[in-house]
Protein backbone atom coordinates (compact mmCIF):
# COMPACT_ATOMS: atom_id res chain seq x y z
CA MET A 1 0.00 0.00 0.00
CA THR A 2 1.35 3.43 -0.89
CA GLU A 3 1.36 6.15 1.72
CA GLN A 4 -0.03 9.53 0.83
CA TYR A 5 2.26 12.45 1.56
CA GLU A 6 0.87 15.21 3.76
CA MET A 7 2.62 18.53 4.23
CA PRO A 8 3.86 19.07 7.77
CA LYS A 9 1.92 21.77 9.59
CA LYS A 10 5.09 23.75 10.33
CA GLU A 11 5.79 24.50 6.68
CA PRO A 12 4.61 27.94 5.51
CA GLY A 13 2.55 26.64 2.57
CA TRP A 14 0.39 24.40 4.75
CA ALA A 15 -2.53 26.83 5.15
CA ILE A 16 -2.64 27.58 1.42
CA TYR A 17 -2.45 23.88 0.57
CA LEU A 18 -5.21 23.02 3.04
CA GLN A 19 -7.45 25.87 1.84
CA GLY A 20 -7.04 24.63 -1.75
CA LYS A 21 -8.13 21.14 -0.74
CA ILE A 22 -11.16 22.55 1.11
CA ASP A 23 -12.13 24.65 -1.92
CA GLU A 24 -11.84 21.64 -4.24
CA ALA A 25 -14.12 19.62 -1.94
CA LYS A 26 -16.68 22.46 -1.88
CA VAL A 27 -16.75 22.60 -5.68
CA ARG A 28 -17.18 18.82 -5.94
CA ASP A 29 -20.08 18.96 -3.46
CA LEU A 30 -21.76 21.80 -5.37
CA ILE A 31 -21.48 19.86 -8.63
CA ARG A 32 -23.10 16.82 -6.98
CA VAL A 33 -25.93 18.92 -5.53
CA HIS A 34 -26.56 20.60 -8.89
CA ALA A 35 -26.75 17.23 -10.65
CA ALA A 36 -29.18 15.90 -8.04
CA LEU A 37 -31.41 18.97 -8.37
CA GLU A 38 -31.41 18.61 -12.14
CA ARG A 39 -32.55 14.98 -11.85
CA HIS A 40 -35.34 15.98 -9.45
CA LEU A 41 -36.49 18.73 -11.82
CA GLU A 42 -36.64 16.25 -14.70
CA GLU A 43 -38.74 13.89 -12.54
CA ALA A 44 -41.07 16.76 -11.59
CA VAL A 45 -41.56 17.66 -15.26
CA VAL A 46 -42.50 14.06 -16.05
CA LEU A 47 -44.99 13.97 -13.16
CA LEU A 48 -46.56 17.28 -14.21
CA ARG A 49 -46.85 16.09 -17.79
CA ASP A 50 -48.59 12.90 -16.62
CA TYR A 51 -50.94 14.94 -14.41
CA ALA A 52 -51.86 17.21 -17.33
CA ARG A 53 -52.54 14.15 -19.47
CA ILE A 54 -54.73 12.44 -16.85
CA TYR A 55 -56.71 15.51 -15.73
CA PRO A 56 -57.04 17.67 -18.87
CA ASN A 57 -59.90 19.82 -17.50
CA ASN A 58 -58.07 20.82 -14.32
CA SER A 59 -54.63 21.25 -15.79
CA GLY A 60 -54.61 24.74 -17.30
CA ARG A 61 -52.27 26.15 -14.68
CA THR A 62 -50.23 22.96 -14.70
CA THR A 63 -49.73 23.11 -18.46
CA ARG A 64 -48.69 26.77 -18.34
CA PHE A 65 -46.27 26.02 -15.51
CA LEU A 66 -44.91 23.03 -17.40
CA GLY A 67 -44.49 25.20 -20.50
CA ARG A 68 -42.43 27.72 -18.52
CA ILE A 69 -40.20 24.98 -17.12
CA LEU A 70 -39.68 23.44 -20.56
CA SER A 71 -38.92 26.82 -22.16
CA LYS A 72 -36.29 27.52 -19.49
CA GLU A 73 -34.77 24.10 -20.13
CA LYS A 74 -34.63 24.83 -23.87
CA GLU A 75 -32.90 28.16 -23.17
CA LYS A 76 -30.31 26.33 -21.05
CA GLU A 77 -29.76 23.78 -23.83
CA GLY A 78 -29.27 26.62 -26.33
CA LYS A 79 -26.62 28.27 -24.14
CA ARG A 80 -24.59 25.06 -23.85
């Protein structure tokens, strides 16, 4: 097994090194949270679409809301 090298705390670059590692972990966590939120939004769109299909008379607001969500998604796709 290989040992991972850690900077000794007495060296002057320790705080900068540690802060960099903390920042990298924060960015990784934010990316994971964003991906999870995107999956949940996609599931919500599917559920709203099914609701609008099942209850067509009561779904005017739902369809408008769904249209806004889908248009925002298309704008995002266009920016990528």
